[in-house]
Amino acid sequence: MQDVQNRVDKRGIAIQRVGISDVYLPLQIKQEQHSQPVMARLKFTVDLPMEYKGTHMSRFQEILTKWHTNPIGQAEIGNILDEAITKLSSNSAHLSMSFKYFIEKTAPVSGKKSLLDLDCKVSAVKTASKNSMPFTLAIKIPVTSLCPCSKEISAYGAHNQRSIISVKINYDGKKTAINIKDIVSLIEAQASCPLYPLLKREDEKYVTEKAYENPKFVEDILRDCVLALRTLDDIHYFSVECENFESIHNHNAYASHVEYLK
């Protein structure tokens, strides 16, 4: 049978990324000594030299499918990208995957256990000519914020709201392993109070009072997150966004920051 993809293309345009997207696959995300089953949404691409008409789309699925029973961490992602570069005769390969990740939370007073779901995304790129593998971890972390102005001007009470802190961290995946739970704990500490899926009455009293004693504007939370992220080692750059879903306004409060460290 003729291999149409390998025919010569004469338009002189190399394609930077070509492959498959919106791929859903059950995976096991490796974190330190354990792994967690997730349903991941993936995009998997390589570069295509100008002389080739097309890439071999079926090979992307072949590479990915055999990983659905094996825990995947940074090293395994590197192996996937190496295999893509080899099997598709490319100079670079890129993989990104989004998934829900769950961490166990302990209520502050009752000690009740529950699971907090987090939107996560990891992505990595590898080039045949380089030994490094830039790796990006993105997490959306829900927290509580309480308005300092409302507390200051009110005879009693203060308005508070749920907030989402979106963090993206880029680093060299061959040198550093970053734990999702560690980043969540680091960021939660910068809010007025963390969120807990399960609260008994004594817990509700605790988190209400904790937020009241720790009021923060969206700008305060953002700046404290920046200071916290600067303490991480071997980071190339990070971005952080904070959005407060205002309880007394028909709009949200928003702040963001990007910082390059290397």
C-alpha atoms as a PDB file:
ATOM      1  CA  MET A   1       0.000   0.000   0.000  1.00  0.00           C
ATOM      2  CA  GLN A   2       1.202   3.521  -0.738  1.00  0.00           C
ATOM      3  CA  ASP A   3       2.411   5.645   2.181  1.00  0.00           C
ATOM      4  CA  VAL A   4       0.860   8.996   1.220  1.00  0.00           C
ATOM      5  CA  GLN A   5       2.163  10.783   4.332  1.00  0.00           C
ATOM      6  CA  ASN A   6       5.740  10.176   3.237  1.00  0.00           C
ATOM      7  CA  ARG A   7       5.281  11.843  -0.137  1.00  0.00           C
ATOM      8  CA  VAL A   8       7.374  14.942  -0.732  1.00  0.00           C
ATOM      9  CA  ASP A   9       5.722  18.320  -0.153  1.00  0.00           C
ATOM     10  CA  LYS A  10       7.130  21.175  -2.233  1.00  0.00           C
ATOM     11  CA  ARG A  11       5.571  24.178  -0.485  1.00  0.00           C
ATOM     12  CA  GLY A  12       8.598  24.649   1.764  1.00  0.00           C
ATOM     13  CA  ILE A  13       6.677  25.038   5.047  1.00  0.00           C
ATOM     14  CA  ALA A  14       7.750  23.135   8.139  1.00  0.00           C
ATOM     15  CA  ILE A  15       4.894  22.623  10.627  1.00  0.00           C
ATOM     16  CA  GLN A  16       5.792  23.359  14.242  1.00  0.00           C
ATOM     17  CA  ARG A  17       3.186  21.090  15.830  1.00  0.00           C
ATOM     18  CA  VAL A  18       1.021  18.401  14.283  1.00  0.00           C
ATOM     19  CA  GLY A  19      -0.682  15.446  15.926  1.00  0.00           C
ATOM     20  CA  ILE A  20      -3.830  14.571  17.868  1.00  0.00           C
ATOM     21  CA  SER A  21      -5.940  16.525  20.361  1.00  0.00           C
ATOM     22  CA  ASP A  22      -9.003  15.914  22.538  1.00  0.00           C
ATOM     23  CA  VAL A  23      -7.780  12.422  23.355  1.00  0.00           C
ATOM     24  CA  TYR A  24      -9.395  10.975  26.498  1.00  0.00           C
ATOM     25  CA  LEU A  25      -7.480   8.239  28.272  1.00  0.00           C
ATOM     26  CA  PRO A  26      -7.564   6.716  31.774  1.00  0.00           C
ATOM     27  CA  LEU A  27      -4.152   7.294  33.343  1.00  0.00           C
ATOM     28  CA  GLN A  28      -2.421   6.939  36.683  1.00  0.00           C
ATOM     29  CA  ILE A  29      -0.690  10.144  37.771  1.00  0.00           C
ATOM     30  CA  LYS A  30       2.430   9.426  39.798  1.00  0.00           C
ATOM     31  CA  GLN A  31       3.091  11.644  42.836  1.00  0.00           C
ATOM     32  CA  GLU A  32       5.991  10.656  45.106  1.00  0.00           C
ATOM     33  CA  GLN A  33       5.259   7.158  46.470  1.00  0.00           C
ATOM     34  CA  HIS A  34       1.720   6.749  45.142  1.00  0.00           C
ATOM     35  CA  SER A  35      -0.338   7.185  41.988  1.00  0.00           C
ATOM     36  CA  GLN A  36      -3.916   8.347  41.423  1.00  0.00           C
ATOM     37  CA  PRO A  37      -6.248   7.138  38.640  1.00  0.00           C
ATOM     38  CA  VAL A  38      -7.582  10.025  36.528  1.00  0.00           C
ATOM     39  CA  MET A  39      -9.432  10.582  33.273  1.00  0.00           C
ATOM     40  CA  ALA A  40      -7.079  12.775  31.261  1.00  0.00           C
ATOM     41  CA  ARG A  41      -7.627  14.919  28.188  1.00  0.00           C
ATOM     42  CA  LEU A  42      -4.487  14.964  26.048  1.00  0.00           C
ATOM     43  CA  LYS A  43      -2.872  16.795  23.160  1.00  0.00           C
ATOM     44  CA  PHE A  44       0.137  15.030  21.605  1.00  0.00           C
ATOM     45  CA  THR A  45       2.164  16.589  18.781  1.00  0.00           C
ATOM     46  CA  VAL A  46       5.506  16.606  16.969  1.00  0.00           C
ATOM     47  CA  ASP A  47       7.122  18.937  14.463  1.00  0.00           C
ATOM     48  CA  LEU A  48       6.921  18.047  10.770  1.00  0.00           C
ATOM     49  CA  PRO A  49       9.853  18.841   8.441  1.00  0.00           C
ATOM     50  CA  MET A  50       8.945  20.778   5.306  1.00  0.00           C
ATOM     51  CA  GLU A  51       9.749  17.896   2.967  1.00  0.00           C
ATOM     52  CA  TYR A  52       7.037  15.579   4.359  1.00  0.00           C
ATOM     53  CA  LYS A  53       3.401  15.807   3.288  1.00  0.00           C
ATOM     54  CA  GLY A  54       2.015  14.507   6.591  1.00  0.00           C
ATOM     55  CA  THR A  55       2.710  12.704   9.841  1.00  0.00           C
ATOM     56  CA  HIS A  56       1.505   9.248  10.921  1.00  0.00           C
ATOM     57  CA  MET A  57      -1.477   9.971  13.193  1.00  0.00           C
ATOM     58  CA  SER A  58      -2.001   6.344  14.243  1.00  0.00           C
ATOM     59  CA  ARG A  59       1.425   6.223  15.878  1.00  0.00           C
ATOM     60  CA  PHE A  60       0.417   8.816  18.468  1.00  0.00           C
ATOM     61  CA  GLN A  61      -2.389   6.559  19.685  1.00  0.00           C
ATOM     62  CA  GLU A  62      -0.106   3.536  19.640  1.00  0.00           C
ATOM     63  CA  ILE A  63       2.390   5.297  21.878  1.00  0.00           C
ATOM     64  CA  LEU A  64      -0.222   6.607  24.331  1.00  0.00           C
ATOM     65  CA  THR A  65      -2.452   3.543  24.658  1.00  0.00           C
ATOM     66  CA  LYS A  66       0.143   1.291  26.251  1.00  0.00           C
ATOM     67  CA  TRP A  67       0.592   3.790  29.110  1.00  0.00           C
ATOM     68  CA  HIS A  68      -2.952   3.632  30.451  1.00  0.00           C
ATOM     69  CA  THR A  69      -2.007   0.850  32.906  1.00  0.00           C
ATOM     70  CA  ASN A  70       1.347   2.291  34.029  1.00  0.00           C
ATOM     71  CA  PRO A  71       1.861   5.172  36.515  1.00  0.00           C
ATOM     72  CA  ILE A  72       3.043   8.307  34.727  1.00  0.00           C
ATOM     73  CA  GLY A  73       5.353  10.952  36.151  1.00  0.00           C
ATOM     74  CA  GLN A  74       7.937  13.299  34.688  1.00  0.00           C
ATOM     75  CA  ALA A  75      10.380  10.542  33.742  1.00  0.00           C
ATOM     76  CA  GLU A  76       7.660   8.559  31.964  1.00  0.00           C
ATOM     77  CA  ILE A  77       6.500  11.640  30.055  1.00  0.00           C
ATOM     78  CA  GLY A  78      10.086  12.045  28.910  1.00  0.00           C
ATOM     79  CA  ASN A  79      10.046   8.445  27.639  1.00  0.00           C
ATOM     80  CA  ILE A  80       6.797   9.095  25.751  1.00  0.00           C
ATOM     81  CA  LEU A  81       8.292  12.146  24.049  1.00  0.00           C
ATOM     82  CA  ASP A  82      11.502  10.282  23.177  1.00  0.00           C
ATOM     83  CA  GLU A  83       9.471   7.501  21.570  1.00  0.00           C
ATOM     84  CA  ALA A  84       7.463  10.016  19.544  1.00  0.00           C
ATOM     85  CA  ILE A  85      10.622  11.708  18.259  1.00  0.00           C
ATOM     86  CA  THR A  86      12.044   8.333  17.214  1.00  0.00           C
ATOM     87  CA  LYS A  87       8.931   6.728  15.700  1.00  0.00           C
ATOM     88  CA  LEU A  88       7.801   9.871  13.873  1.00  0.00           C
ATOM     89  CA  SER A  89      11.291  10.961  12.732  1.00  0.00           C
ATOM     90  CA  SER A  90      10.835  14.382  14.312  1.00  0.00           C
ATOM     91  CA  ASN A  91      13.083  16.891  15.997  1.00  0.00           C
ATOM     92  CA  SER A  92      10.688  17.725  18.865  1.00  0.00           C
ATOM     93  CA  ALA A  93       7.599  16.392  20.618  1.00  0.00           C
ATOM     94  CA  HIS A  94       5.043  17.994  22.934  1.00  0.00           C
ATOM     95  CA  LEU A  95       2.516  16.439  25.314  1.00  0.00           C
ATOM     96  CA  SER A  96      -0.093  18.154  27.481  1.00  0.00           C
ATOM     97  CA  MET A  97      -2.797  16.608  29.635  1.00  0.00           C
ATOM     98  CA  SER A  98      -5.578  18.021  31.787  1.00  0.00           C
ATOM     99  CA  PHE A  99      -7.257  16.110  34.602  1.00  0.00           C
ATOM    100  CA  LYS A 100      -9.052  16.316  37.933  1.00  0.00           C
ATOM    101  CA  TYR A 101      -6.746  15.513  40.835  1.00  0.00           C
ATOM    102  CA  PHE A 102      -7.977  14.869  44.384  1.00  0.00           C
ATOM    103  CA  ILE A 103      -6.169  15.638  47.624  1.00  0.00           C
ATOM    104  CA  GLU A 104      -7.292  14.584  51.085  1.00  0.00           C
ATOM    105  CA  LYS A 105      -8.320  17.407  53.396  1.00  0.00           C
ATOM    106  CA  THR A 106      -8.713  17.182  57.161  1.00  0.00           C
ATOM    107  CA  ALA A 107     -11.308  19.450  58.785  1.00  0.00           C
ATOM    108  CA  PRO A 108      -9.527  21.804  61.239  1.00  0.00           C
ATOM    109  CA  VAL A 109     -11.451  20.874  64.419  1.00  0.00           C
ATOM    110  CA  SER A 110     -13.458  17.670  63.910  1.00  0.00           C
ATOM    111  CA  GLY A 111     -10.675  15.999  61.932  1.00  0.00           C
ATOM    112  CA  LYS A 112     -13.173  14.680  59.385  1.00  0.00           C
ATOM    113  CA  LYS A 113     -11.570  13.547  56.112  1.00  0.00           C
ATOM    114  CA  SER A 114     -12.786  14.587  52.658  1.00  0.00           C
ATOM    115  CA  LEU A 115     -11.482  14.971  49.097  1.00  0.00           C
ATOM    116  CA  LEU A 116     -10.877  18.310  47.376  1.00  0.00           C
ATOM    117  CA  ASP A 117     -10.940  18.193  43.563  1.00  0.00           C
ATOM    118  CA  LEU A 118      -8.453  20.316  41.637  1.00  0.00           C
ATOM    119  CA  ASP A 119      -8.195  21.184  37.951  1.00  0.00           C
ATOM    120  CA  CYS A 120      -4.634  20.357  36.888  1.00  0.00           C
ATOM    121  CA  LYS A 121      -2.668  20.448  33.676  1.00  0.00           C
ATOM    122  CA  VAL A 122       0.847  19.235  32.938  1.00  0.00           C
ATOM    123  CA  SER A 123       2.748  19.813  29.722  1.00  0.00           C
ATOM    124  CA  ALA A 124       6.240  19.027  28.520  1.00  0.00           C
ATOM    125  CA  VAL A 125       8.320  19.490  25.388  1.00  0.00           C
ATOM    126  CA  LYS A 126      11.453  17.680  24.329  1.00  0.00           C
ATOM    127  CA  THR A 127      13.906  18.326  21.501  1.00  0.00           C
ATOM    128  CA  ALA A 128      16.146  15.653  20.041  1.00  0.00           C
ATOM    129  CA  SER A 129      19.179  17.950  20.095  1.00  0.00           C
ATOM    130  CA  LYS A 130      18.766  18.972  23.770  1.00  0.00           C
ATOM    131  CA  ASN A 131      18.987  16.970  26.983  1.00  0.00           C
ATOM    132  CA  SER A 132      16.529  19.137  28.918  1.00  0.00           C
ATOM    133  CA  MET A 133      12.743  18.820  29.106  1.00  0.00           C
ATOM    134  CA  PRO A 134      10.909  22.041  30.061  1.00  0.00           C
ATOM    135  CA  PHE A 135       7.941  20.994  32.189  1.00  0.00           C
ATOM    136  CA  THR A 136       4.894  23.048  33.209  1.00  0.00           C
ATOM    137  CA  LEU A 137       2.461  22.336  36.024  1.00  0.00           C
ATOM    138  CA  ALA A 138      -0.779  24.354  36.263  1.00  0.00           C
ATOM    139  CA  ILE A 139      -3.274  24.086  39.152  1.00  0.00           C
ATOM    140  CA  LYS A 140      -6.497  25.934  40.012  1.00  0.00           C
ATOM    141  CA  ILE A 141      -6.824  26.151  43.799  1.00  0.00           C
ATOM    142  CA  PRO A 142     -10.082  27.229  45.519  1.00  0.00           C
ATOM    143  CA  VAL A 143      -9.753  29.270  48.716  1.00  0.00           C
ATOM    144  CA  THR A 144     -11.677  31.728  50.900  1.00  0.00           C
ATOM    145  CA  SER A 145     -11.032  35.493  50.952  1.00  0.00           C
ATOM    146  CA  LEU A 146     -12.502  38.130  53.259  1.00  0.00           C
ATOM    147  CA  CYS A 147     -12.626  41.846  52.428  1.00  0.00           C
ATOM    148  CA  PRO A 148     -10.515  44.075  54.747  1.00  0.00           C
ATOM    149  CA  CYS A 149     -12.528  47.173  53.809  1.00  0.00           C
ATOM    150  CA  SER A 150     -15.839  45.514  54.667  1.00  0.00           C
ATOM    151  CA  LYS A 151     -14.472  44.408  58.032  1.00  0.00           C
ATOM    152  CA  GLU A 152     -13.084  47.862  58.810  1.00  0.00           C
ATOM    153  CA  ILE A 153     -16.211  49.895  58.047  1.00  0.00           C
ATOM    154  CA  SER A 154     -18.907  47.518  59.311  1.00  0.00           C
ATOM    155  CA  ALA A 155     -20.281  47.460  62.842  1.00  0.00           C
ATOM    156  CA  TYR A 156     -20.307  43.671  62.627  1.00  0.00           C
ATOM    157  CA  GLY A 157     -19.513  41.020  60.026  1.00  0.00           C
ATOM    158  CA  ALA A 158     -17.616  41.291  56.755  1.00  0.00           C
ATOM    159  CA  HIS A 159     -18.350  39.966  53.285  1.00  0.00           C
ATOM    160  CA  ASN A 160     -16.305  37.011  52.122  1.00  0.00           C
ATOM    161  CA  GLN A 161     -16.204  34.922  48.990  1.00  0.00           C
ATOM    162  CA  ARG A 162     -14.775  31.864  47.351  1.00  0.00           C
ATOM    163  CA  SER A 163     -11.699  32.611  45.271  1.00  0.00           C
ATOM    164  CA  ILE A 164      -9.732  30.698  42.664  1.00  0.00           C
ATOM    165  CA  ILE A 165      -5.942  30.999  42.579  1.00  0.00           C
ATOM    166  CA  SER A 166      -4.514  29.744  39.270  1.00  0.00           C
ATOM    167  CA  VAL A 167      -0.826  28.891  39.413  1.00  0.00           C
ATOM    168  CA  LYS A 168       1.458  27.882  36.539  1.00  0.00           C
ATOM    169  CA  ILE A 169       5.039  26.802  37.247  1.00  0.00           C
ATOM    170  CA  ASN A 170       7.686  26.076  34.608  1.00  0.00           C
ATOM    171  CA  TYR A 171      10.846  24.160  35.443  1.00  0.00           C
ATOM    172  CA  ASP A 172      13.309  21.603  34.073  1.00  0.00           C
ATOM    173  CA  GLY A 173      11.472  18.292  34.400  1.00  0.00           C
ATOM    174  CA  LYS A 174      14.685  16.262  34.375  1.00  0.00           C
ATOM    175  CA  LYS A 175      16.034  17.915  37.514  1.00  0.00           C
ATOM    176  CA  THR A 176      13.046  18.714  39.676  1.00  0.00           C
ATOM    177  CA  ALA A 177       9.895  16.933  40.779  1.00  0.00           C
ATOM    178  CA  ILE A 178       7.144  19.156  42.142  1.00  0.00           C
ATOM    179  CA  ASN A 179       4.366  17.610  44.201  1.00  0.00           C
ATOM    180  CA  ILE A 180       0.841  18.879  43.532  1.00  0.00           C
ATOM    181  CA  LYS A 181      -0.135  18.681  47.204  1.00  0.00           C
ATOM    182  CA  ASP A 182       2.899  20.752  48.251  1.00  0.00           C
ATOM    183  CA  ILE A 183       1.977  23.558  45.848  1.00  0.00           C
ATOM    184  CA  VAL A 184      -1.644  23.513  47.025  1.00  0.00           C
ATOM    185  CA  SER A 185      -0.568  23.802  50.682  1.00  0.00           C
ATOM    186  CA  LEU A 186       1.826  26.641  49.812  1.00  0.00           C
ATOM    187  CA  ILE A 187      -0.877  28.631  48.006  1.00  0.00           C
ATOM    188  CA  GLU A 188      -3.693  27.930  50.468  1.00  0.00           C
ATOM    189  CA  ALA A 189      -1.599  29.490  53.220  1.00  0.00           C
ATOM    190  CA  GLN A 190      -1.702  32.846  51.383  1.00  0.00           C
ATOM    191  CA  ALA A 191      -5.517  33.119  51.442  1.00  0.00           C
ATOM    192  CA  SER A 192      -7.802  34.234  54.245  1.00  0.00           C
ATOM    193  CA  CYS A 193      -8.627  30.562  54.812  1.00  0.00           C
ATOM    194  CA  PRO A 194      -8.386  27.246  52.927  1.00  0.00           C
ATOM    195  CA  LEU A 195     -11.475  25.405  51.681  1.00  0.00           C
ATOM    196  CA  TYR A 196     -12.666  22.086  53.098  1.00  0.00           C
ATOM    197  CA  PRO A 197     -15.277  19.936  51.293  1.00  0.00           C
ATOM    198  CA  LEU A 198     -16.578  18.555  54.604  1.00  0.00           C
ATOM    199  CA  LEU A 199     -17.192  20.780  57.653  1.00  0.00           C
ATOM    200  CA  LYS A 200     -19.047  20.046  60.869  1.00  0.00           C
ATOM    201  CA  ARG A 201     -20.441  22.885  62.984  1.00  0.00           C
ATOM    202  CA  GLU A 202     -17.247  23.299  65.008  1.00  0.00           C
ATOM    203  CA  ASP A 203     -15.240  23.442  61.781  1.00  0.00           C
ATOM    204  CA  GLU A 204     -17.567  26.034  60.253  1.00  0.00           C
ATOM    205  CA  LYS A 205     -17.085  28.237  63.313  1.00  0.00           C
ATOM    206  CA  TYR A 206     -13.315  27.857  62.989  1.00  0.00           C
ATOM    207  CA  VAL A 207     -13.038  28.739  59.282  1.00  0.00           C
ATOM    208  CA  THR A 208     -15.458  31.684  59.643  1.00  0.00           C
ATOM    209  CA  GLU A 209     -13.414  33.176  62.459  1.00  0.00           C
ATOM    210  CA  LYS A 210     -10.076  32.373  60.798  1.00  0.00           C
ATOM    211  CA  ALA A 211     -11.078  34.250  57.645  1.00  0.00           C
ATOM    212  CA  TYR A 212     -12.380  37.162  59.730  1.00  0.00           C
ATOM    213  CA  GLU A 213      -9.031  37.401  61.546  1.00  0.00           C
ATOM    214  CA  ASN A 214      -7.101  37.229  58.261  1.00  0.00           C
ATOM    215  CA  PRO A 215      -8.759  39.671  55.813  1.00  0.00           C
ATOM    216  CA  LYS A 216      -7.116  40.080  52.399  1.00  0.00           C
ATOM    217  CA  PHE A 217      -7.816  41.990  49.211  1.00  0.00           C
ATOM    218  CA  VAL A 218      -7.253  40.185  45.922  1.00  0.00           C
ATOM    219  CA  GLU A 219      -4.025  42.230  45.650  1.00  0.00           C
ATOM    220  CA  ASP A 220      -2.875  40.958  49.059  1.00  0.00           C
ATOM    221  CA  ILE A 221      -3.431  37.332  48.137  1.00  0.00           C
ATOM    222  CA  LEU A 222      -1.633  37.774  44.817  1.00  0.00           C
ATOM    223  CA  ARG A 223       1.429  39.451  46.333  1.00  0.00           C
ATOM    224  CA  ASP A 224       1.686  36.834  49.080  1.00  0.00           C
ATOM    225  CA  CYS A 225       1.474  34.080  46.456  1.00  0.00           C
ATOM    226  CA  VAL A 226       4.305  35.719  44.491  1.00  0.00           C
ATOM    227  CA  LEU A 227       6.505  35.804  47.596  1.00  0.00           C
ATOM    228  CA  ALA A 228       5.697  32.166  48.346  1.00  0.00           C
ATOM    229  CA  LEU A 229       6.437  30.985  44.792  1.00  0.00           C
ATOM    230  CA  ARG A 230       9.794  32.774  44.830  1.00  0.00           C
ATOM    231  CA  THR A 231      10.911  30.327  47.535  1.00  0.00           C
ATOM    232  CA  LEU A 232      10.713  27.336  45.163  1.00  0.00           C
ATOM    233  CA  ASP A 233      13.978  25.975  43.779  1.00  0.00           C
ATOM    234  CA  ASP A 234      14.947  25.503  40.109  1.00  0.00           C
ATOM    235  CA  ILE A 235      11.957  27.415  38.723  1.00  0.00           C
ATOM    236  CA  HIS A 236      12.283  29.027  35.284  1.00  0.00           C
ATOM    237  CA  TYR A 237       9.155  31.170  35.593  1.00  0.00           C
ATOM    238  CA  PHE A 238       5.740  31.209  37.206  1.00  0.00           C
ATOM    239  CA  SER A 239       2.427  32.934  36.730  1.00  0.00           C
ATOM    240  CA  VAL A 240      -0.335  33.402  39.272  1.00  0.00           C
ATOM    241  CA  GLU A 241      -3.889  34.710  38.908  1.00  0.00           C
ATOM    242  CA  CYS A 242      -6.344  35.389  41.697  1.00  0.00           C
ATOM    243  CA  GLU A 243     -10.057  35.857  41.095  1.00  0.00           C
ATOM    244  CA  ASN A 244     -12.527  36.622  43.894  1.00  0.00           C
ATOM    245  CA  PHE A 245     -16.148  35.766  43.139  1.00  0.00           C
ATOM    246  CA  GLU A 246     -17.585  38.796  44.924  1.00  0.00           C
ATOM    247  CA  SER A 247     -20.565  38.168  47.213  1.00  0.00           C
ATOM    248  CA  ILE A 248     -21.918  41.769  47.193  1.00  0.00           C
ATOM    249  CA  HIS A 249     -21.067  42.799  43.593  1.00  0.00           C
ATOM    250  CA  ASN A 250     -22.112  41.583  40.178  1.00  0.00           C
ATOM    251  CA  HIS A 251     -18.481  41.337  39.096  1.00  0.00           C
ATOM    252  CA  ASN A 252     -15.307  39.582  40.201  1.00  0.00           C
ATOM    253  CA  ALA A 253     -12.100  41.073  41.608  1.00  0.00           C
ATOM    254  CA  TYR A 254      -9.004  39.980  39.671  1.00  0.00           C
ATOM    255  CA  ALA A 255      -5.200  40.287  39.828  1.00  0.00           C
ATOM    256  CA  SER A 256      -2.333  38.498  38.031  1.00  0.00           C
ATOM    257  CA  HIS A 257       1.457  38.411  37.898  1.00  0.00           C
ATOM    258  CA  VAL A 258       4.124  36.694  35.761  1.00  0.00           C
ATOM    259  CA  GLU A 259       7.750  36.393  36.849  1.00  0.00           C
ATOM    260  CA  TYR A 260      10.828  35.009  35.091  1.00  0.00           C
ATOM    261  CA  LEU A 261      13.482  33.733  37.479  1.00  0.00           C
ATOM    262  CA  LYS A 262      16.039  32.219  35.066  1.00  0.00           C
END
